Amino acid sequence: MATNISEQFSLSKFGSLLFARQTPMLEAERHRGWLSRLNEWRTRRAAISELSGLSDRELSDIGLTRQEIPVVVRKGR
């Protein structure tokens, strides 16, 4: 018994599949500011981690102390 395509995929099933694939992109567009802040936070965390990995001698060579690292990264000195 052959079934036609309309019996296999009703419009509601097809529509839900179509829009399910678009939903992440639509959500990303709606929350562009949130995603931007998240990326900025991740960049700051990576910079803090990188600077924290330096020795005290290396930090003093670039004019920083350990206590200044978060402030410098936040303000972008």
PDB file of N, CA and C in Angstrom:
ATOM      1  N   MET A   1       0.834  -1.172   0.000  1.00  0.00           N
ATOM      2  CA  MET A   1       0.000   0.000   0.000  1.00  0.00           C
ATOM      3  C   MET A   1       0.882   1.240   0.000  1.00  0.00           C
ATOM      4  N   ALA A   2       0.699   2.030  -0.953  1.00  0.00           N
ATOM      5  CA  ALA A   2       1.470   3.263  -1.063  1.00  0.00           C
ATOM      6  C   ALA A   2       0.734   4.395  -0.366  1.00  0.00           C
ATOM      7  N   THR A   3       1.471   5.168   0.374  1.00  0.00           N
ATOM      8  CA  THR A   3       0.883   6.348   1.003  1.00  0.00           C
ATOM      9  C   THR A   3       1.465   7.569   0.323  1.00  0.00           C
ATOM     10  N   ASN A   4       0.665   8.569   0.207  1.00  0.00           N
ATOM     11  CA  ASN A   4       1.185   9.767  -0.430  1.00  0.00           C
ATOM     12  C   ASN A   4       1.861  10.657   0.606  1.00  0.00           C
ATOM     13  N   ILE A   5       2.606  11.617   0.115  1.00  0.00           N
ATOM     14  CA  ILE A   5       3.415  12.463   0.988  1.00  0.00           C
ATOM     15  C   ILE A   5       2.561  13.255   1.964  1.00  0.00           C
ATOM     16  N   SER A   6       1.365  13.622   1.582  1.00  0.00           N
ATOM     17  CA  SER A   6       0.526  14.410   2.482  1.00  0.00           C
ATOM     18  C   SER A   6       0.064  13.590   3.678  1.00  0.00           C
ATOM     19  N   GLU A   7      -0.021  12.282   3.520  1.00  0.00           N
ATOM     20  CA  GLU A   7      -0.391  11.449   4.652  1.00  0.00           C
ATOM     21  C   GLU A   7       0.797  11.260   5.595  1.00  0.00           C
ATOM     22  N   GLN A   8       2.008  11.231   5.046  1.00  0.00           N
ATOM     23  CA  GLN A   8       3.192  11.032   5.878  1.00  0.00           C
ATOM     24  C   GLN A   8       3.562  12.311   6.640  1.00  0.00           C
ATOM     25  N   PHE A   9       3.489  13.442   5.978  1.00  0.00           N
ATOM     26  CA  PHE A   9       3.871  14.713   6.583  1.00  0.00           C
ATOM     27  C   PHE A   9       2.733  15.704   6.450  1.00  0.00           C
ATOM     28  N   SER A  10       2.009  15.856   7.501  1.00  0.00           N
ATOM     29  CA  SER A  10       0.964  16.867   7.471  1.00  0.00           C
ATOM     30  C   SER A  10       1.632  18.230   7.568  1.00  0.00           C
ATOM     31  N   LEU A  11       0.912  19.270   7.290  1.00  0.00           N
ATOM     32  CA  LEU A  11       1.474  20.617   7.336  1.00  0.00           C
ATOM     33  C   LEU A  11       1.972  20.940   8.738  1.00  0.00           C
ATOM     34  N   SER A  12       1.246  20.484   9.743  1.00  0.00           N
ATOM     35  CA  SER A  12       1.679  20.799  11.102  1.00  0.00           C
ATOM     36  C   SER A  12       3.000  20.100  11.426  1.00  0.00           C
ATOM     37  N   LYS A  13       3.178  18.876  10.989  1.00  0.00           N
ATOM     38  CA  LYS A  13       4.444  18.184  11.230  1.00  0.00           C
ATOM     39  C   LYS A  13       5.567  18.852  10.458  1.00  0.00           C
ATOM     40  N   PHE A  14       5.320  19.155   9.200  1.00  0.00           N
ATOM     41  CA  PHE A  14       6.333  19.795   8.371  1.00  0.00           C
ATOM     42  C   PHE A  14       6.672  21.172   8.918  1.00  0.00           C
ATOM     43  N   GLY A  15       5.643  21.922   9.293  1.00  0.00           N
ATOM     44  CA  GLY A  15       5.862  23.267   9.844  1.00  0.00           C
ATOM     45  C   GLY A  15       6.666  23.220  11.122  1.00  0.00           C
ATOM     46  N   SER A  16       6.369  22.259  11.988  1.00  0.00           N
ATOM     47  CA  SER A  16       7.120  22.171  13.239  1.00  0.00           C
ATOM     48  C   SER A  16       8.574  21.792  12.981  1.00  0.00           C
ATOM     49  N   LEU A  17       8.817  20.937  11.997  1.00  0.00           N
ATOM     50  CA  LEU A  17      10.194  20.596  11.648  1.00  0.00           C
ATOM     51  C   LEU A  17      10.930  21.807  11.079  1.00  0.00           C
ATOM     52  N   LEU A  18      10.256  22.539  10.225  1.00  0.00           N
ATOM     53  CA  LEU A  18      10.860  23.706   9.602  1.00  0.00           C
ATOM     54  C   LEU A  18      11.192  24.760  10.641  1.00  0.00           C
ATOM     55  N   PHE A  19      10.247  25.075  11.512  1.00  0.00           N
ATOM     56  CA  PHE A  19      10.470  26.121  12.495  1.00  0.00           C
ATOM     57  C   PHE A  19      11.378  25.664  13.625  1.00  0.00           C
ATOM     58  N   ALA A  20      11.434  24.390  13.905  1.00  0.00           N
ATOM     59  CA  ALA A  20      12.348  23.888  14.932  1.00  0.00           C
ATOM     60  C   ALA A  20      13.786  24.140  14.516  1.00  0.00           C
ATOM     61  N   ARG A  21      14.062  24.043  13.228  1.00  0.00           N
ATOM     62  CA  ARG A  21      15.420  24.292  12.744  1.00  0.00           C
ATOM     63  C   ARG A  21      15.756  25.766  12.769  1.00  0.00           C
ATOM     64  N   GLN A  22      14.779  26.631  12.637  1.00  0.00           N
ATOM     65  CA  GLN A  22      15.029  28.064  12.620  1.00  0.00           C
ATOM     66  C   GLN A  22      15.054  28.668  14.018  1.00  0.00           C
ATOM     67  N   THR A  23      14.471  27.993  14.979  1.00  0.00           N
ATOM     68  CA  THR A  23      14.334  28.562  16.309  1.00  0.00           C
ATOM     69  C   THR A  23      15.655  29.000  16.926  1.00  0.00           C
ATOM     70  N   PRO A  24      16.717  28.197  16.901  1.00  0.00           N
ATOM     71  CA  PRO A  24      17.957  28.676  17.511  1.00  0.00           C
ATOM     72  C   PRO A  24      18.467  29.977  16.896  1.00  0.00           C
ATOM     73  N   MET A  25      18.361  30.114  15.588  1.00  0.00           N
ATOM     74  CA  MET A  25      18.826  31.344  14.952  1.00  0.00           C
ATOM     75  C   MET A  25      17.943  32.517  15.341  1.00  0.00           C
ATOM     76  N   LEU A  26      16.636  32.307  15.379  1.00  0.00           N
ATOM     77  CA  LEU A  26      15.741  33.377  15.779  1.00  0.00           C
ATOM     78  C   LEU A  26      16.000  33.794  17.217  1.00  0.00           C
ATOM     79  N   GLU A  27      16.237  32.835  18.087  1.00  0.00           N
ATOM     80  CA  GLU A  27      16.543  33.146  19.479  1.00  0.00           C
ATOM     81  C   GLU A  27      17.853  33.914  19.574  1.00  0.00           C
ATOM     82  N   ALA A  28      18.827  33.533  18.782  1.00  0.00           N
ATOM     83  CA  ALA A  28      20.111  34.228  18.806  1.00  0.00           C
ATOM     84  C   ALA A  28      19.944  35.679  18.373  1.00  0.00           C
ATOM     85  N   GLU A  29      19.116  35.915  17.377  1.00  0.00           N
ATOM     86  CA  GLU A  29      18.885  37.278  16.928  1.00  0.00           C
ATOM     87  C   GLU A  29      18.176  38.091  17.999  1.00  0.00           C
ATOM     88  N   ARG A  30      17.252  37.463  18.711  1.00  0.00           N
ATOM     89  CA  ARG A  30      16.524  38.173  19.764  1.00  0.00           C
ATOM     90  C   ARG A  30      17.425  38.505  20.936  1.00  0.00           C
ATOM     91  N   HIS A  31      18.391  37.647  21.173  1.00  0.00           N
ATOM     92  CA  HIS A  31      19.238  37.807  22.347  1.00  0.00           C
ATOM     93  C   HIS A  31      20.668  38.179  21.977  1.00  0.00           C
ATOM     94  N   ARG A  32      20.804  38.945  20.928  1.00  0.00           N
ATOM     95  CA  ARG A  32      22.127  39.325  20.447  1.00  0.00           C
ATOM     96  C   ARG A  32      22.920  40.059  21.521  1.00  0.00           C
ATOM     97  N   GLY A  33      22.275  40.949  22.265  1.00  0.00           N
ATOM     98  CA  GLY A  33      22.950  41.680  23.333  1.00  0.00           C
ATOM     99  C   GLY A  33      23.429  40.751  24.425  1.00  0.00           C
ATOM    100  N   TRP A  34      22.602  39.783  24.772  1.00  0.00           N
ATOM    101  CA  TRP A  34      22.969  38.811  25.800  1.00  0.00           C
ATOM    102  C   TRP A  34      24.155  37.978  25.343  1.00  0.00           C
ATOM    103  N   LEU A  35      24.140  37.548  24.104  1.00  0.00           N
ATOM    104  CA  LEU A  35      25.247  36.757  23.574  1.00  0.00           C
ATOM    105  C   LEU A  35      26.529  37.575  23.502  1.00  0.00           C
ATOM    106  N   SER A  36      26.399  38.840  23.174  1.00  0.00           N
ATOM    107  CA  SER A  36      27.558  39.712  23.127  1.00  0.00           C
ATOM    108  C   SER A  36      28.174  39.860  24.514  1.00  0.00           C
ATOM    109  N   ARG A  37      27.344  40.056  25.531  1.00  0.00           N
ATOM    110  CA  ARG A  37      27.850  40.164  26.899  1.00  0.00           C
ATOM    111  C   ARG A  37      28.486  38.852  27.349  1.00  0.00           C
ATOM    112  N   LEU A  38      27.911  37.740  26.957  1.00  0.00           N
ATOM    113  CA  LEU A  38      28.481  36.439  27.304  1.00  0.00           C
ATOM    114  C   LEU A  38      29.865  36.276  26.681  1.00  0.00           C
ATOM    115  N   ASN A  39      30.002  36.649  25.420  1.00  0.00           N
ATOM    116  CA  ASN A  39      31.303  36.552  24.750  1.00  0.00           C
ATOM    117  C   ASN A  39      32.327  37.485  25.379  1.00  0.00           C
ATOM    118  N   GLU A  40      31.902  38.688  25.767  1.00  0.00           N
ATOM    119  CA  GLU A  40      32.810  39.616  26.438  1.00  0.00           C
ATOM    120  C   GLU A  40      33.264  39.037  27.770  1.00  0.00           C
ATOM    121  N   TRP A  41      32.349  38.425  28.520  1.00  0.00           N
ATOM    122  CA  TRP A  41      32.691  37.811  29.804  1.00  0.00           C
ATOM    123  C   TRP A  41      33.709  36.686  29.598  1.00  0.00           C
ATOM    124  N   ARG A  42      33.470  35.854  28.583  1.00  0.00           N
ATOM    125  CA  ARG A  42      34.391  34.748  28.308  1.00  0.00           C
ATOM    126  C   ARG A  42      35.773  35.274  27.933  1.00  0.00           C
ATOM    127  N   THR A  43      35.835  36.357  27.176  1.00  0.00           N
ATOM    128  CA  THR A  43      37.105  36.954  26.797  1.00  0.00           C
ATOM    129  C   THR A  43      37.828  37.496  28.025  1.00  0.00           C
ATOM    130  N   ARG A  44      37.085  38.176  28.910  1.00  0.00           N
ATOM    131  CA  ARG A  44      37.688  38.693  30.141  1.00  0.00           C
ATOM    132  C   ARG A  44      38.215  37.560  31.018  1.00  0.00           C
ATOM    133  N   ARG A  45      37.425  36.482  31.149  1.00  0.00           N
ATOM    134  CA  ARG A  45      37.852  35.340  31.961  1.00  0.00           C
ATOM    135  C   ARG A  45      39.126  34.719  31.391  1.00  0.00           C
ATOM    136  N   ALA A  46      39.223  34.637  30.081  1.00  0.00           N
ATOM    137  CA  ALA A  46      40.429  34.080  29.457  1.00  0.00           C
ATOM    138  C   ALA A  46      41.634  34.983  29.719  1.00  0.00           C
ATOM    139  N   ALA A  47      41.430  36.295  29.646  1.00  0.00           N
ATOM    140  CA  ALA A  47      42.528  37.231  29.907  1.00  0.00           C
ATOM    141  C   ALA A  47      42.980  37.150  31.361  1.00  0.00           C
ATOM    142  N   ILE A  48      42.027  37.077  32.284  1.00  0.00           N
ATOM    143  CA  ILE A  48      42.367  36.948  33.703  1.00  0.00           C
ATOM    144  C   ILE A  48      43.127  35.652  33.946  1.00  0.00           C
ATOM    145  N   SER A  49      42.679  34.585  33.342  1.00  0.00           N
ATOM    146  CA  SER A  49      43.344  33.295  33.500  1.00  0.00           C
ATOM    147  C   SER A  49      44.765  33.336  32.956  1.00  0.00           C
ATOM    148  N   GLU A  50      44.934  33.958  31.805  1.00  0.00           N
ATOM    149  CA  GLU A  50      46.260  34.053  31.184  1.00  0.00           C
ATOM    150  C   GLU A  50      47.204  34.885  32.052  1.00  0.00           C
ATOM    151  N   LEU A  51      46.724  36.032  32.520  1.00  0.00           N
ATOM    152  CA  LEU A  51      47.569  36.875  33.360  1.00  0.00           C
ATOM    153  C   LEU A  51      47.857  36.223  34.713  1.00  0.00           C
ATOM    154  N   SER A  52      46.903  35.505  35.246  1.00  0.00           N
ATOM    155  CA  SER A  52      47.095  34.830  36.531  1.00  0.00           C
ATOM    156  C   SER A  52      48.137  33.727  36.426  1.00  0.00           C
ATOM    157  N   GLY A  53      48.344  33.208  35.251  1.00  0.00           N
ATOM    158  CA  GLY A  53      49.325  32.157  35.039  1.00  0.00           C
ATOM    159  C   GLY A  53      50.757  32.660  34.993  1.00  0.00           C
ATOM    160  N   LEU A  54      50.923  33.977  34.898  1.00  0.00           N
ATOM    161  CA  LEU A  54      52.275  34.549  34.875  1.00  0.00           C
ATOM    162  C   LEU A  54      52.871  34.548  36.270  1.00  0.00           C
ATOM    163  N   SER A  55      54.173  34.507  36.328  1.00  0.00           N
ATOM    164  CA  SER A  55      54.850  34.579  37.626  1.00  0.00           C
ATOM    165  C   SER A  55      54.813  36.021  38.137  1.00  0.00           C
ATOM    166  N   ASP A  56      55.118  36.192  39.431  1.00  0.00           N
ATOM    167  CA  ASP A  56      55.153  37.541  40.000  1.00  0.00           C
ATOM    168  C   ASP A  56      56.199  38.401  39.289  1.00  0.00           C
ATOM    169  N   ARG A  57      57.291  37.798  38.916  1.00  0.00           N
ATOM    170  CA  ARG A  57      58.354  38.520  38.202  1.00  0.00           C
ATOM    171  C   ARG A  57      57.847  39.012  36.838  1.00  0.00           C
ATOM    172  N   GLU A  58      57.159  38.138  36.104  1.00  0.00           N
ATOM    173  CA  GLU A  58      56.625  38.526  34.791  1.00  0.00           C
ATOM    174  C   GLU A  58      55.571  39.616  34.931  1.00  0.00           C
ATOM    175  N   LEU A  59      54.744  39.517  35.955  1.00  0.00           N
ATOM    176  CA  LEU A  59      53.741  40.560  36.189  1.00  0.00           C
ATOM    177  C   LEU A  59      54.405  41.900  36.514  1.00  0.00           C
ATOM    178  N   SER A  60      55.446  41.875  37.341  1.00  0.00           N
ATOM    179  CA  SER A  60      56.120  43.133  37.676  1.00  0.00           C
ATOM    180  C   SER A  60      56.809  43.723  36.447  1.00  0.00           C
ATOM    181  N   ASP A  61      57.258  42.875  35.530  1.00  0.00           N
ATOM    182  CA  ASP A  61      57.874  43.373  34.290  1.00  0.00           C
ATOM    183  C   ASP A  61      56.887  44.179  33.448  1.00  0.00           C
ATOM    184  N   ILE A  62      55.619  43.828  33.522  1.00  0.00           N
ATOM    185  CA  ILE A  62      54.611  44.577  32.747  1.00  0.00           C
ATOM    186  C   ILE A  62      53.871  45.587  33.622  1.00  0.00           C
ATOM    187  N   GLY A  63      54.345  45.740  34.873  1.00  0.00           N
ATOM    188  CA  GLY A  63      53.799  46.781  35.744  1.00  0.00           C
ATOM    189  C   GLY A  63      52.497  46.425  36.425  1.00  0.00           C
ATOM    190  N   LEU A  64      52.289  45.152  36.726  1.00  0.00           N
ATOM    191  CA  LEU A  64      51.047  44.717  37.380  1.00  0.00           C
ATOM    192  C   LEU A  64      51.349  43.935  38.649  1.00  0.00           C
ATOM    193  N   THR A  65      50.381  43.943  39.542  1.00  0.00           N
ATOM    194  CA  THR A  65      50.402  43.040  40.680  1.00  0.00           C
ATOM    195  C   THR A  65      49.211  42.095  40.517  1.00  0.00           C
ATOM    196  N   ARG A  66      49.205  41.009  41.260  1.00  0.00           N
ATOM    197  CA  ARG A  66      48.094  40.048  41.161  1.00  0.00           C
ATOM    198  C   ARG A  66      46.754  40.686  41.505  1.00  0.00           C
ATOM    199  N   GLN A  67      46.749  41.590  42.458  1.00  0.00           N
ATOM    200  CA  GLN A  67      45.504  42.229  42.876  1.00  0.00           C
ATOM    201  C   GLN A  67      44.939  43.139  41.784  1.00  0.00           C
ATOM    202  N   GLU A  68      45.772  43.626  40.898  1.00  0.00           N
ATOM    203  CA  GLU A  68      45.327  44.542  39.843  1.00  0.00           C
ATOM    204  C   GLU A  68      44.760  43.833  38.615  1.00  0.00           C
ATOM    205  N   ILE A  69      44.987  42.548  38.496  1.00  0.00           N
ATOM    206  CA  ILE A  69      44.605  41.828  37.278  1.00  0.00           C
ATOM    207  C   ILE A  69      43.112  42.006  36.929  1.00  0.00           C
ATOM    208  N   PRO A  70      42.164  41.715  37.830  1.00  0.00           N
ATOM    209  CA  PRO A  70      40.749  41.878  37.438  1.00  0.00           C
ATOM    210  C   PRO A  70      40.383  43.313  37.057  1.00  0.00           C
ATOM    211  N   VAL A  71      40.940  44.281  37.782  1.00  0.00           N
ATOM    212  CA  VAL A  71      40.630  45.688  37.494  1.00  0.00           C
ATOM    213  C   VAL A  71      41.169  46.082  36.126  1.00  0.00           C
ATOM    214  N   VAL A  72      42.405  45.687  35.840  1.00  0.00           N
ATOM    215  CA  VAL A  72      43.027  46.024  34.558  1.00  0.00           C
ATOM    216  C   VAL A  72      42.279  45.390  33.405  1.00  0.00           C
ATOM    217  N   VAL A  73      41.863  44.146  33.565  1.00  0.00           N
ATOM    218  CA  VAL A  73      41.142  43.459  32.494  1.00  0.00           C
ATOM    219  C   VAL A  73      39.775  44.117  32.279  1.00  0.00           C
ATOM    220  N   ARG A  74      39.101  44.473  33.367  1.00  0.00           N
ATOM    221  CA  ARG A  74      37.778  45.100  33.233  1.00  0.00           C
ATOM    222  C   ARG A  74      37.854  46.463  32.573  1.00  0.00           C
ATOM    223  N   LYS A  75      38.819  47.265  32.986  1.00  0.00           N
ATOM    224  CA  LYS A  75      38.925  48.635  32.468  1.00  0.00           C
ATOM    225  C   LYS A  75      39.708  48.709  31.165  1.00  0.00           C
ATOM    226  N   GLY A  76      40.465  47.668  30.849  1.00  0.00           N
ATOM    227  CA  GLY A  76      41.210  47.644  29.587  1.00  0.00           C
ATOM    228  C   GLY A  76      42.369  48.602  29.540  1.00  0.00           C
ATOM    229  N   ARG A  77      43.111  48.697  30.614  1.00  0.00           N
ATOM    230  CA  ARG A  77      44.237  49.632  30.688  1.00  0.00           C
ATOM    231  C   ARG A  77      45.285  49.326  29.687  1.00  0.00           C
TER     232      ARG A  77
END
